[in-house]
């Protein structure tokens, strides 16, 4: 009986453990990763769009935006950080939502995408994210 109980406890202990490395490989369920690149920040496509709202849940920033097009299925969208951190409290980072839109329809499409922003952390527990092609900024606390 002791052997069965011991095996049972070992089994429970084994099953209740998780491998943290596996959990951290893709710790978010965001649609895209945020790019940090001064070159891309300056040179990426900048087709017209309107950013309707920003929201942060965990390490994902949700961006709701609209642009003209047919259905938005061919749009190429990237969230790009300038690579610089502005020294203030809290620190600030400038980002740009890049859109490449070659759709030639007159519909007005609204989409909502999520971006993993965990690579924008600056060690202080929070950073102000300024999305420069809108009038919006949002505080990211981690």
N, C-alpha and C. Protein backbone atom coordinates (compact mmCIF):
# COMPACT_ATOMS: atom_id res chain seq x y z
N UNK A 1 0.81 -1.19 0.00
CA UNK A 1 0.00 0.00 0.00
C UNK A 1 0.86 1.26 0.00
N UNK A 2 1.97 1.22 0.79
CA UNK A 2 2.86 2.37 0.83
C UNK A 2 3.47 2.63 -0.56
N UNK A 3 3.79 1.53 -1.25
CA UNK A 3 4.37 1.67 -2.58
C UNK A 3 3.40 2.33 -3.54
N UNK A 4 2.16 1.93 -3.50
CA UNK A 4 1.13 2.51 -4.36
C UNK A 4 0.95 3.99 -4.05
N UNK A 5 0.90 4.32 -2.76
CA UNK A 5 0.75 5.71 -2.35
C UNK A 5 1.96 6.54 -2.78
N UNK A 6 3.15 6.00 -2.63
CA UNK A 6 4.36 6.70 -3.04
C UNK A 6 4.35 6.93 -4.55
N UNK A 7 4.02 5.91 -5.33
CA UNK A 7 3.95 6.06 -6.78
C UNK A 7 2.88 7.08 -7.17
N UNK A 8 1.76 7.06 -6.48
CA UNK A 8 0.70 8.01 -6.74
C UNK A 8 1.18 9.44 -6.49
N UNK A 9 1.85 9.69 -5.37
CA UNK A 9 2.36 11.02 -5.05
C UNK A 9 3.42 11.47 -6.03
N UNK A 10 4.29 10.56 -6.43
CA UNK A 10 5.31 10.90 -7.43
C UNK A 10 4.64 11.27 -8.75
N UNK A 11 3.63 10.50 -9.12
CA UNK A 11 2.90 10.79 -10.36
C UNK A 11 2.22 12.15 -10.32
N UNK A 12 1.57 12.47 -9.21
CA UNK A 12 0.91 13.77 -9.06
C UNK A 12 1.93 14.89 -9.13
N UNK A 13 3.04 14.73 -8.44
CA UNK A 13 4.09 15.75 -8.45
C UNK A 13 4.63 15.95 -9.86
N UNK A 14 4.88 14.87 -10.57
CA UNK A 14 5.41 14.93 -11.93
C UNK A 14 4.43 15.64 -12.86
N UNK A 15 3.17 15.30 -12.76
CA UNK A 15 2.16 15.89 -13.64
C UNK A 15 1.89 17.35 -13.32
N UNK A 16 2.10 17.76 -12.08
CA UNK A 16 1.81 19.14 -11.71
C UNK A 16 2.94 20.09 -12.06
N UNK A 17 4.11 19.56 -12.41
CA UNK A 17 5.23 20.41 -12.79
C UNK A 17 5.09 20.79 -14.25
N UNK A 18 5.56 21.98 -14.57
CA UNK A 18 5.58 22.40 -15.97
C UNK A 18 6.98 22.85 -16.31
N UNK A 19 7.28 22.81 -17.57
CA UNK A 19 8.57 23.26 -18.06
C UNK A 19 8.46 24.73 -18.42
N UNK A 20 9.08 25.59 -17.62
CA UNK A 20 8.99 27.03 -17.84
C UNK A 20 9.54 27.44 -19.19
N UNK A 21 10.54 26.73 -19.71
CA UNK A 21 11.09 27.07 -21.02
C UNK A 21 10.04 26.95 -22.10
N UNK A 22 9.22 25.90 -22.05
CA UNK A 22 8.17 25.74 -23.03
C UNK A 22 7.12 26.83 -22.90
N UNK A 23 6.79 27.21 -21.67
CA UNK A 23 5.78 28.23 -21.46
C UNK A 23 6.24 29.59 -21.97
N UNK A 24 7.55 29.86 -21.95
CA UNK A 24 8.05 31.17 -22.35
C UNK A 24 8.40 31.26 -23.82
N UNK A 25 8.40 30.16 -24.55
CA UNK A 25 8.73 30.23 -25.97
C UNK A 25 7.78 31.16 -26.70
N UNK A 26 6.50 31.05 -26.45
CA UNK A 26 5.51 31.93 -27.04
C UNK A 26 4.54 32.30 -25.94
N UNK A 27 4.97 33.22 -25.10
CA UNK A 27 4.21 33.53 -23.89
C UNK A 27 2.97 34.36 -24.18
N UNK A 28 2.80 34.79 -25.41
CA UNK A 28 1.63 35.58 -25.74
C UNK A 28 0.88 34.92 -26.90
N UNK A 29 -0.34 35.32 -27.04
CA UNK A 29 -1.15 34.84 -28.14
C UNK A 29 -1.46 35.99 -29.09
N UNK A 30 -0.49 36.85 -29.30
CA UNK A 30 -0.67 38.00 -30.17
C UNK A 30 -0.57 37.57 -31.63
N UNK A 31 -1.16 38.40 -32.51
CA UNK A 31 -1.11 38.12 -33.95
C UNK A 31 0.30 38.30 -34.52
N UNK A 32 1.01 39.34 -34.06
CA UNK A 32 2.31 39.70 -34.64
C UNK A 32 3.29 40.11 -33.55
N UNK A 33 4.56 40.10 -33.88
CA UNK A 33 5.63 40.62 -33.02
C UNK A 33 5.85 42.09 -33.37
N UNK A 34 6.24 42.89 -32.40
CA UNK A 34 6.62 44.27 -32.66
C UNK A 34 8.06 44.29 -33.14
N UNK A 35 8.32 45.07 -34.17
CA UNK A 35 9.66 45.18 -34.76
C UNK A 35 10.36 46.39 -34.13
N UNK A 36 11.62 46.23 -33.76
CA UNK A 36 12.43 47.35 -33.29
C UNK A 36 13.51 47.60 -34.34
N UNK A 37 13.37 48.71 -35.08
CA UNK A 37 14.32 49.01 -36.15
C UNK A 37 14.18 50.47 -36.57
N UNK A 38 15.24 51.25 -36.37
CA UNK A 38 15.22 52.65 -36.79
C UNK A 38 15.02 52.77 -38.29
N UNK A 39 15.64 51.89 -39.06
CA UNK A 39 15.54 51.92 -40.53
C UNK A 39 14.11 51.64 -40.97
N UNK A 40 13.52 50.58 -40.44
CA UNK A 40 12.14 50.25 -40.82
C UNK A 40 11.16 51.31 -40.32
N UNK A 41 11.43 51.87 -39.16
CA UNK A 41 10.58 52.92 -38.60
C UNK A 41 10.50 54.10 -39.58
N UNK A 42 11.63 54.43 -40.19
CA UNK A 42 11.68 55.55 -41.13
C UNK A 42 11.18 55.18 -42.52
N UNK A 43 11.42 53.94 -42.96
CA UNK A 43 11.22 53.60 -44.37
C UNK A 43 10.06 52.66 -44.69
N UNK A 44 9.43 52.09 -43.70
CA UNK A 44 8.34 51.15 -43.97
C UNK A 44 7.16 51.87 -44.63
N UNK A 45 6.33 51.15 -45.36
CA UNK A 45 5.18 51.77 -46.02
C UNK A 45 4.32 52.55 -45.03
N UNK A 46 3.72 53.62 -45.52
CA UNK A 46 2.90 54.46 -44.64
C UNK A 46 1.62 54.87 -45.35
N UNK A 47 0.91 53.87 -45.88
CA UNK A 47 -0.36 54.17 -46.52
C UNK A 47 -1.35 54.67 -45.47
N UNK A 48 -2.32 55.44 -45.94
CA UNK A 48 -3.25 56.12 -45.03
C UNK A 48 -4.10 55.15 -44.22
N UNK A 49 -4.18 55.44 -42.93
CA UNK A 49 -5.02 54.66 -42.01
C UNK A 49 -5.43 55.56 -40.87
N UNK A 50 -6.44 55.13 -40.15
CA UNK A 50 -6.90 55.83 -38.95
C UNK A 50 -6.86 54.85 -37.80
N UNK A 51 -6.15 55.21 -36.75
CA UNK A 51 -6.11 54.37 -35.55
C UNK A 51 -7.27 54.79 -34.65
N UNK A 52 -8.17 53.84 -34.41
CA UNK A 52 -9.38 54.12 -33.63
C UNK A 52 -9.16 53.94 -32.14
N UNK A 53 -8.39 52.93 -31.76
CA UNK A 53 -8.18 52.69 -30.33
C UNK A 53 -6.96 51.81 -30.10
N UNK A 54 -6.40 51.93 -28.89
CA UNK A 54 -5.29 51.11 -28.41
C UNK A 54 -5.71 50.51 -27.08
N UNK A 55 -5.30 49.27 -26.86
CA UNK A 55 -5.58 48.62 -25.58
C UNK A 55 -4.46 47.63 -25.30
N UNK A 56 -4.07 47.52 -24.04
CA UNK A 56 -3.03 46.55 -23.67
C UNK A 56 -3.63 45.52 -22.73
N UNK A 57 -3.42 44.26 -23.06
CA UNK A 57 -3.78 43.13 -22.20
C UNK A 57 -2.55 42.26 -22.06
N UNK A 58 -1.94 42.25 -20.87
CA UNK A 58 -0.71 41.49 -20.68
C UNK A 58 0.39 42.09 -21.52
N UNK A 59 0.98 41.28 -22.39
CA UNK A 59 2.05 41.75 -23.28
C UNK A 59 1.57 41.96 -24.71
N UNK A 60 0.26 42.03 -24.90
CA UNK A 60 -0.30 42.27 -26.24
C UNK A 60 -0.95 43.65 -26.29
N UNK A 61 -0.62 44.40 -27.33
CA UNK A 61 -1.32 45.65 -27.59
C UNK A 61 -2.29 45.40 -28.73
N UNK A 62 -3.56 45.71 -28.49
CA UNK A 62 -4.59 45.59 -29.50
C UNK A 62 -4.76 46.95 -30.16
N UNK A 63 -4.66 46.95 -31.48
CA UNK A 63 -4.85 48.19 -32.24
C UNK A 63 -6.04 48.00 -33.16
N UNK A 64 -7.02 48.86 -33.00
CA UNK A 64 -8.19 48.89 -33.87
C UNK A 64 -7.96 50.03 -34.85
N UNK A 65 -7.99 49.73 -36.15
CA UNK A 65 -7.70 50.75 -37.14
C UNK A 65 -8.57 50.56 -38.38
N UNK A 66 -8.66 51.60 -39.19
CA UNK A 66 -9.47 51.56 -40.40
C UNK A 66 -8.69 52.16 -41.56
N UNK A 67 -9.02 51.68 -42.76
CA UNK A 67 -8.42 52.20 -43.99
C UNK A 67 -9.33 51.83 -45.15
N UNK A 68 -9.15 52.52 -46.26
CA UNK A 68 -9.91 52.21 -47.46
C UNK A 68 -9.35 50.94 -48.10
N UNK A 69 -10.24 50.20 -48.79
CA UNK A 69 -9.80 48.98 -49.46
C UNK A 69 -10.97 48.13 -49.88
N UNK A 70 -10.68 46.89 -50.24
CA UNK A 70 -11.73 45.95 -50.65
C UNK A 70 -12.21 45.13 -49.46
N UNK A 71 -11.26 44.43 -48.81
CA UNK A 71 -11.60 43.63 -47.63
C UNK A 71 -10.45 43.57 -46.63
N UNK A 72 -9.31 44.15 -46.95
CA UNK A 72 -8.17 44.18 -46.04
C UNK A 72 -7.37 42.89 -46.00
N UNK A 73 -7.73 41.90 -46.79
CA UNK A 73 -7.03 40.62 -46.76
C UNK A 73 -5.60 40.69 -47.31
N UNK A 74 -5.30 41.67 -48.13
CA UNK A 74 -3.95 41.77 -48.70
C UNK A 74 -3.09 42.80 -47.99
N UNK A 75 -3.64 43.45 -46.99
CA UNK A 75 -2.88 44.47 -46.28
C UNK A 75 -1.66 43.85 -45.60
N UNK A 76 -0.57 44.58 -45.61
CA UNK A 76 0.62 44.22 -44.85
C UNK A 76 0.77 45.24 -43.74
N UNK A 77 0.66 44.76 -42.50
CA UNK A 77 0.65 45.65 -41.34
C UNK A 77 1.79 45.25 -40.40
N UNK A 78 2.52 46.27 -39.90
CA UNK A 78 3.59 46.03 -38.93
C UNK A 78 3.57 47.15 -37.90
N UNK A 79 3.85 46.79 -36.67
CA UNK A 79 4.05 47.79 -35.62
C UNK A 79 5.55 47.91 -35.42
N UNK A 80 6.08 49.11 -35.64
CA UNK A 80 7.53 49.31 -35.66
C UNK A 80 7.93 50.35 -34.62
N UNK A 81 8.88 49.97 -33.77
CA UNK A 81 9.45 50.85 -32.75
C UNK A 81 10.69 51.51 -33.33
N UNK A 82 10.93 52.77 -32.96
CA UNK A 82 12.06 53.54 -33.50
C UNK A 82 13.42 53.05 -33.02
N UNK A 83 13.43 52.25 -31.97
CA UNK A 83 14.69 51.76 -31.42
C UNK A 83 15.28 52.66 -30.35
N UNK A 84 14.67 53.81 -30.13
CA UNK A 84 15.17 54.75 -29.12
C UNK A 84 14.19 54.82 -27.95
N UNK A 85 14.76 54.99 -26.76
CA UNK A 85 13.94 55.20 -25.56
C UNK A 85 14.15 56.63 -25.10
N UNK A 86 13.06 57.38 -24.99
CA UNK A 86 13.15 58.76 -24.53
C UNK A 86 13.27 58.77 -23.02
N UNK A 87 14.26 59.46 -22.52
CA UNK A 87 14.52 59.50 -21.08
C UNK A 87 13.54 60.46 -20.41
N UNK A 88 12.58 59.90 -19.73
CA UNK A 88 11.58 60.65 -18.98
C UNK A 88 11.03 59.68 -17.95
N UNK A 89 10.07 60.14 -17.16
CA UNK A 89 9.43 59.20 -16.25
C UNK A 89 7.93 59.22 -16.51
N UNK A 90 7.37 58.13 -16.91
CA UNK A 90 8.08 56.90 -17.29
C UNK A 90 8.79 57.10 -18.62
N UNK A 91 9.74 56.21 -18.95
CA UNK A 91 10.40 56.31 -20.26
C UNK A 91 9.35 56.22 -21.36
N UNK A 92 9.70 56.74 -22.53
CA UNK A 92 8.77 56.72 -23.65
C UNK A 92 9.43 56.08 -24.87
N UNK A 93 8.59 55.42 -25.65
CA UNK A 93 9.05 54.83 -26.91
C UNK A 93 8.08 55.28 -27.99
N UNK A 94 8.62 55.58 -29.18
CA UNK A 94 7.79 55.97 -30.31
C UNK A 94 7.63 54.79 -31.25
N UNK A 95 6.38 54.54 -31.63
CA UNK A 95 6.05 53.45 -32.54
C UNK A 95 5.24 54.00 -33.71
N UNK A 96 5.21 53.22 -34.78
CA UNK A 96 4.43 53.59 -35.95
C UNK A 96 3.75 52.34 -36.47
N UNK A 97 2.45 52.44 -36.75
CA UNK A 97 1.74 51.35 -37.40
C UNK A 97 1.91 51.54 -38.89
N UNK A 98 2.61 50.60 -39.51
CA UNK A 98 2.90 50.66 -40.94
C UNK A 98 1.84 49.86 -41.69
N UNK A 99 1.32 50.45 -42.76
CA UNK A 99 0.35 49.78 -43.60
C UNK A 99 0.77 49.87 -45.06
N UNK A 100 0.84 48.72 -45.70
CA UNK A 100 1.01 48.66 -47.15
C UNK A 100 -0.33 48.18 -47.70
N UNK A 101 -1.00 49.06 -48.44
CA UNK A 101 -2.36 48.80 -48.90
C UNK A 101 -2.43 49.07 -50.40
N UNK A 102 -2.56 48.00 -51.16
CA UNK A 102 -2.66 48.13 -52.62
C UNK A 102 -4.07 47.82 -53.13
N UNK A 103 -5.03 47.76 -52.22
CA UNK A 103 -6.42 47.50 -52.61
C UNK A 103 -7.05 48.76 -53.19
N UNK A 104 -7.74 48.62 -54.32
CA UNK A 104 -8.29 49.78 -55.03
C UNK A 104 -9.82 49.81 -54.99
N UNK A 105 -10.39 49.50 -53.86
CA UNK A 105 -11.84 49.55 -53.69
C UNK A 105 -12.20 50.74 -52.81
N UNK A 106 -13.48 51.09 -52.79
CA UNK A 106 -13.91 52.26 -52.05
C UNK A 106 -14.54 51.93 -50.70
N UNK A 107 -14.45 50.69 -50.27
CA UNK A 107 -14.99 50.33 -48.96
C UNK A 107 -14.08 50.88 -47.87
N UNK A 108 -14.62 51.04 -46.68
CA UNK A 108 -13.84 51.48 -45.53
C UNK A 108 -13.83 50.33 -44.54
N UNK A 109 -12.67 49.72 -44.37
CA UNK A 109 -12.52 48.49 -43.60
C UNK A 109 -11.94 48.81 -42.23
N UNK A 110 -12.46 48.16 -41.20
CA UNK A 110 -11.91 48.28 -39.85
C UNK A 110 -11.40 46.92 -39.42
N UNK A 111 -10.18 46.91 -38.89
CA UNK A 111 -9.56 45.68 -38.40
C UNK A 111 -9.06 45.89 -36.99
N UNK A 112 -8.87 44.78 -36.29
CA UNK A 112 -8.29 44.81 -34.96
C UNK A 112 -7.23 43.72 -34.91
N UNK A 113 -5.99 44.13 -34.66
CA UNK A 113 -4.86 43.20 -34.60
C UNK A 113 -4.14 43.36 -33.27
N UNK A 114 -3.46 42.30 -32.86
CA UNK A 114 -2.68 42.36 -31.62
C UNK A 114 -1.20 42.19 -31.92
N UNK A 115 -0.39 42.89 -31.14
CA UNK A 115 1.06 42.88 -31.32
C UNK A 115 1.73 42.57 -29.99
N UNK A 116 2.69 41.67 -30.00
CA UNK A 116 3.48 41.34 -28.82
C UNK A 116 4.43 42.51 -28.57
N UNK A 117 4.28 43.16 -27.42
CA UNK A 117 5.11 44.33 -27.09
C UNK A 117 6.10 44.03 -25.98
N UNK A 118 6.27 42.76 -25.63
CA UNK A 118 7.15 42.40 -24.51
C UNK A 118 8.60 42.84 -24.76
N UNK A 119 9.01 42.96 -26.03
CA UNK A 119 10.38 43.38 -26.32
C UNK A 119 10.58 44.89 -26.12
N UNK A 120 9.53 45.62 -25.73
CA UNK A 120 9.64 47.06 -25.49
C UNK A 120 9.85 47.40 -24.02
N UNK A 121 9.91 46.39 -23.17
CA UNK A 121 10.12 46.62 -21.75
C UNK A 121 11.49 47.26 -21.52
N UNK A 122 11.54 48.16 -20.52
CA UNK A 122 12.76 48.94 -20.28
C UNK A 122 13.25 48.81 -18.85
N UNK A 123 12.88 47.76 -18.15
CA UNK A 123 13.41 47.51 -16.82
C UNK A 123 12.79 48.29 -15.69
N UNK A 124 12.03 49.33 -15.96
CA UNK A 124 11.48 50.15 -14.89
C UNK A 124 10.06 49.81 -14.50
N UNK A 125 9.46 48.81 -15.12
CA UNK A 125 8.11 48.41 -14.76
C UNK A 125 7.02 49.06 -15.59
N UNK A 126 7.35 50.14 -16.31
CA UNK A 126 6.37 50.75 -17.20
C UNK A 126 7.06 51.63 -18.23
N UNK A 127 6.38 51.79 -19.36
CA UNK A 127 6.88 52.64 -20.45
C UNK A 127 5.68 53.21 -21.19
N UNK A 128 5.78 54.47 -21.56
CA UNK A 128 4.72 55.14 -22.31
C UNK A 128 4.97 54.86 -23.79
N UNK A 129 3.97 54.30 -24.47
CA UNK A 129 4.09 53.98 -25.89
C UNK A 129 3.32 55.02 -26.70
N UNK A 130 4.05 55.79 -27.52
CA UNK A 130 3.46 56.83 -28.35
C UNK A 130 3.35 56.30 -29.77
N UNK A 131 2.14 56.19 -30.27
CA UNK A 131 1.94 55.76 -31.66
C UNK A 131 1.85 57.03 -32.48
N UNK A 132 2.93 57.33 -33.20
CA UNK A 132 3.11 58.67 -33.77
C UNK A 132 2.19 58.96 -34.95
N UNK A 133 1.66 57.93 -35.63
CA UNK A 133 0.74 58.24 -36.72
C UNK A 133 -0.71 58.23 -36.24
N UNK A 134 -0.87 58.63 -34.99
CA UNK A 134 -2.19 58.85 -34.40
C UNK A 134 -1.99 59.87 -33.29
N UNK A 135 -3.07 60.23 -32.64
CA UNK A 135 -2.95 61.13 -31.50
C UNK A 135 -3.01 60.34 -30.20
N UNK A 136 -2.65 59.05 -30.28
CA UNK A 136 -2.82 58.18 -29.14
C UNK A 136 -1.50 57.71 -28.54
N UNK A 137 -1.51 57.57 -27.23
CA UNK A 137 -0.41 56.93 -26.51
C UNK A 137 -1.04 56.10 -25.41
N UNK A 138 -0.26 55.14 -24.90
CA UNK A 138 -0.81 54.24 -23.89
C UNK A 138 0.32 53.81 -22.96
N UNK A 139 0.00 53.66 -21.69
CA UNK A 139 0.99 53.25 -20.70
C UNK A 139 1.03 51.72 -20.63
N UNK A 140 2.21 51.17 -20.85
CA UNK A 140 2.43 49.74 -20.79
C UNK A 140 3.10 49.43 -19.46
N UNK A 141 2.40 48.73 -18.56
CA UNK A 141 2.94 48.35 -17.26
C UNK A 141 3.18 46.85 -17.27
N UNK A 142 4.36 46.44 -16.78
CA UNK A 142 4.74 45.03 -16.81
C UNK A 142 5.41 44.62 -15.52
